[in-house]
Each structure stands twice: as C-alpha cells, then as structure tokens.
Amino acid sequence: MGPAGSGQCMELLHQFQLMSRQLDVPLAEEKTEGPLPVLTFLGIELDTILGTSRLPSSKLLNLRDLLVQFLDRKKATLKEVQVLLGHLNFACKVVLLGRAFSARLARLLGGVHVPHHHVRLTRGVKEDIKVWLDFLQGCNGVSMWQEDWDLREQLQA
C-alpha cells in the first residue's frame, strides 16, 4: 500500500506481473483489478479506505428479494430453502450476527430428503427472515474491520 496518487501500488502490481511471467505463473488478465481502494474478492467488496467488507449491491438486492418472497409464503420446497440458506451463509461473511438467525431455517431441513417436498415456514422462521431484512436494511451488508481482523481467516475459500 502506498500514498494515494503516488503510483507505488501500480509499480508493485507491475513488478508482480513481471515476476509471474518470468516464473511462468499464469495470471488471468481479465480477473486482475487495481490498484483500487475497493476490490471484489470471492464475491465480497473490500474497501481499504473505509476498512469495510460488504456485499456487492447486486447480491444485496438479490438476497432482499429472495427474503421478501419467503415472507409471503406458507411453504417452500426443500430445494428453495437450501438455496436461501446458501445465500444467507454467504452473507454471514459480512453480516456477522446473521448465522444465529439462520438456525431455525436450517432446522426445517431435518428429515426432508426429496428436493421437491415442501416444508412449512413457521412464524419463528418468518421472524428470523424479518431480522435478516433489518440487518440488510440497517447495515446494508457492511462489516467494519477490527484492529486484529485477519482477512485470510475471514475469507477462507
């Protein structure tokens, strides 16, 4: 990291690319970004200026729409619940308290093995969905970095 506008980051990027070529390490040019203060890594936007991680707006909107659809239903298929849980688990990378509000939804999967079978969306599950909507509205899928925050640990692939 270098001072803004210094060109130091760009120079480091060029040195890395040169070294990669010399070592015959392939780099996907279409996936190379930067240097920028906001980068998307593993589907999460990392803002080095603000010290935050956040869901990209497209993922945030998609998750909100999915949650709202579930609020209006009495039942959902096993597959639909699994898809929603997948999105919520991903969002938990930045919505740190979210995992506690996914547990009831996960318990719905117990005993159901056929993807097209339906499960009842209980009042408790719908309350958890409302909490998720509040999280996404209130914090907009943003998590602040802490002093001892380890990027490698938080974004394990």
Protein backbone atom coordinates (compact mmCIF):
# COMPACT_ATOMS: atom_id res chain seq x y z
CA MET A 1 0.00 0.00 0.00
CA GLY A 2 1.27 3.42 -0.85
CA PRO A 3 0.07 7.00 -0.60
CA ALA A 4 -2.87 7.91 -2.82
CA GLY A 5 -1.80 9.09 -6.25
CA SER A 6 1.84 8.07 -5.74
CA GLY A 7 1.86 5.28 -8.30
CA GLN A 8 3.55 3.00 -5.78
CA CYS A 9 0.74 0.43 -5.88
CA MET A 10 0.74 0.36 -9.68
CA GLU A 11 4.51 -0.20 -9.66
CA LEU A 12 4.13 -3.10 -7.23
CA LEU A 13 1.42 -4.63 -9.41
CA HIS A 14 3.65 -4.38 -12.50
CA GLN A 15 6.56 -5.95 -10.60
CA PHE A 16 4.33 -8.83 -9.51
CA GLN A 17 3.07 -9.38 -13.06
CA LEU A 18 6.64 -9.34 -14.40
CA MET A 19 7.80 -11.84 -11.78
CA SER A 20 4.83 -14.09 -12.58
CA ARG A 21 5.73 -14.07 -16.27
CA GLN A 22 9.38 -14.83 -15.51
CA LEU A 23 8.33 -17.80 -13.35
CA ASP A 24 5.77 -18.95 -15.96
CA VAL A 25 2.93 -18.50 -13.47
CA PRO A 26 -0.21 -17.79 -15.48
CA LEU A 27 -2.34 -14.82 -14.45
CA ALA A 28 -5.86 -14.24 -15.70
CA GLU A 29 -5.63 -10.67 -17.01
CA GLU A 30 -9.42 -10.36 -17.14
CA LYS A 31 -9.54 -11.03 -13.40
CA THR A 32 -6.79 -8.61 -12.49
CA GLU A 33 -8.05 -5.44 -10.84
CA GLY A 34 -6.36 -2.48 -9.40
CA PRO A 35 -4.77 -0.93 -7.86
CA LEU A 36 -8.05 0.35 -6.47
CA PRO A 37 -9.25 1.18 -2.96
CA VAL A 38 -12.28 -1.13 -3.44
CA LEU A 39 -11.76 -4.64 -4.81
CA THR A 40 -14.09 -7.59 -5.14
CA PHE A 41 -12.57 -10.77 -3.76
CA LEU A 42 -14.51 -14.04 -3.60
CA GLY A 43 -17.75 -12.12 -4.17
CA ILE A 44 -17.20 -9.64 -1.33
CA GLU A 45 -16.24 -5.99 -1.81
CA LEU A 46 -13.24 -4.97 0.29
CA ASP A 47 -12.85 -1.23 0.88
CA THR A 48 -9.35 -0.42 2.13
CA ILE A 49 -10.14 3.27 2.68
CA LEU A 50 -13.18 2.71 4.93
CA GLY A 51 -11.90 -0.56 6.36
CA THR A 52 -15.10 -2.42 5.49
CA SER A 53 -16.31 -5.56 3.78
CA ARG A 54 -19.70 -5.54 2.09
CA LEU A 55 -21.97 -7.46 -0.20
CA PRO A 56 -22.00 -6.09 -3.73
CA SER A 57 -25.25 -4.26 -4.46
CA SER A 58 -26.42 -6.96 -6.88
CA LYS A 59 -26.05 -9.69 -4.22
CA LEU A 60 -27.68 -7.46 -1.61
CA LEU A 61 -30.72 -6.78 -3.81
CA ASN A 62 -30.99 -10.43 -4.83
CA LEU A 63 -30.95 -11.56 -1.19
CA ARG A 64 -33.54 -8.97 -0.15
CA ASP A 65 -35.86 -10.04 -2.96
CA LEU A 66 -35.46 -13.70 -2.01
CA LEU A 67 -36.22 -12.99 1.66
CA VAL A 68 -39.32 -10.93 0.80
CA GLN A 69 -40.61 -13.77 -1.39
CA PHE A 70 -40.30 -16.18 1.54
CA LEU A 71 -42.21 -13.84 3.87
CA ASP A 72 -45.31 -14.08 1.67
CA ARG A 73 -45.37 -17.88 1.57
CA LYS A 74 -46.66 -20.57 3.89
CA LYS A 75 -44.48 -23.37 2.46
CA ALA A 76 -41.35 -23.81 0.38
CA THR A 77 -39.62 -26.76 -1.21
CA LEU A 78 -36.51 -28.28 0.29
CA LYS A 79 -34.52 -27.02 -2.69
CA GLU A 80 -35.81 -23.45 -2.26
CA VAL A 81 -34.88 -23.43 1.43
CA GLN A 82 -31.43 -24.80 0.59
CA VAL A 83 -30.90 -22.04 -1.96
CA LEU A 84 -31.93 -19.37 0.54
CA LEU A 85 -29.65 -20.86 3.20
CA GLY A 86 -26.76 -20.83 0.73
CA HIS A 87 -27.27 -17.12 0.11
CA LEU A 88 -27.59 -16.41 3.84
CA ASN A 89 -24.46 -18.40 4.68
CA PHE A 90 -22.53 -16.39 2.11
CA ALA A 91 -23.91 -13.14 3.54
CA CYS A 92 -22.75 -14.21 7.02
CA LYS A 93 -19.20 -13.42 5.86
CA VAL A 94 -20.12 -9.75 6.32
CA VAL A 95 -23.31 -9.88 8.40
CA LEU A 96 -21.54 -11.35 11.42
CA LEU A 97 -24.62 -11.82 13.61
CA GLY A 98 -26.63 -13.41 10.80
CA ARG A 99 -25.77 -17.04 11.49
CA ALA A 100 -27.89 -17.08 14.66
CA PHE A 101 -30.90 -16.06 12.58
CA SER A 102 -30.41 -18.86 10.04
CA ALA A 103 -30.58 -21.74 12.51
CA ARG A 104 -34.37 -22.18 12.50
CA LEU A 105 -34.39 -22.16 8.74
CA ALA A 106 -31.66 -24.83 8.72
CA ARG A 107 -33.65 -26.97 11.17
CA LEU A 108 -36.50 -27.09 8.64
CA LEU A 109 -34.31 -29.34 6.51
CA GLY A 110 -34.20 -32.12 9.09
CA GLY A 111 -35.93 -35.26 7.88
CA VAL A 112 -36.68 -33.93 4.40
CA HIS A 113 -34.64 -35.60 1.67
CA VAL A 114 -36.54 -35.08 -1.58
CA PRO A 115 -35.84 -31.67 -3.21
CA HIS A 116 -39.45 -31.08 -4.33
CA HIS A 117 -41.02 -31.88 -0.93
CA HIS A 118 -42.41 -28.90 0.95
CA VAL A 119 -41.67 -27.63 4.44
CA ARG A 120 -43.82 -25.24 6.44
CA LEU A 121 -42.40 -21.77 7.02
CA THR A 122 -43.16 -21.28 10.70
CA ARG A 123 -43.80 -17.98 12.44
CA GLY A 124 -40.33 -18.21 14.01
CA VAL A 125 -38.70 -18.67 10.61
CA LYS A 126 -40.57 -15.64 9.30
CA GLU A 127 -39.43 -13.59 12.32
CA ASP A 128 -35.83 -14.59 11.53
CA ILE A 129 -36.34 -13.53 7.91
CA LYS A 130 -37.57 -10.14 9.15
CA VAL A 131 -34.42 -9.80 11.28
CA TRP A 132 -32.33 -10.58 8.21
CA LEU A 133 -34.18 -7.89 6.26
CA ASP A 134 -33.49 -5.44 9.10
CA PHE A 135 -29.79 -6.40 9.05
CA LEU A 136 -29.59 -5.83 5.30
CA GLN A 137 -31.52 -2.56 5.51
CA GLY A 138 -29.75 -1.21 8.58
CA CYS A 139 -26.16 -2.16 7.89
CA ASN A 140 -26.57 -2.65 4.13
CA GLY A 141 -24.49 -5.83 4.28
CA VAL A 142 -21.43 -3.93 5.59
CA SER A 143 -18.99 -5.16 8.21
CA MET A 144 -16.33 -2.95 9.78
CA TRP A 145 -12.83 -4.38 10.13
CA GLN A 146 -11.43 -4.69 13.59
CA GLU A 147 -7.85 -3.97 14.61
CA ASP A 148 -6.96 -7.66 14.76
CA TRP A 149 -9.07 -8.63 11.74
CA ASP A 150 -7.38 -11.34 9.67
CA LEU A 151 -8.52 -11.19 6.04
CA ARG A 152 -7.25 -14.70 5.28
CA GLU A 153 -9.20 -16.20 8.17
CA GLN A 154 -12.44 -14.35 7.38
CA LEU A 155 -12.49 -15.13 3.65
CA GLN A 156 -11.38 -18.75 3.54
CA ALA A 157 -12.15 -20.25 0.16
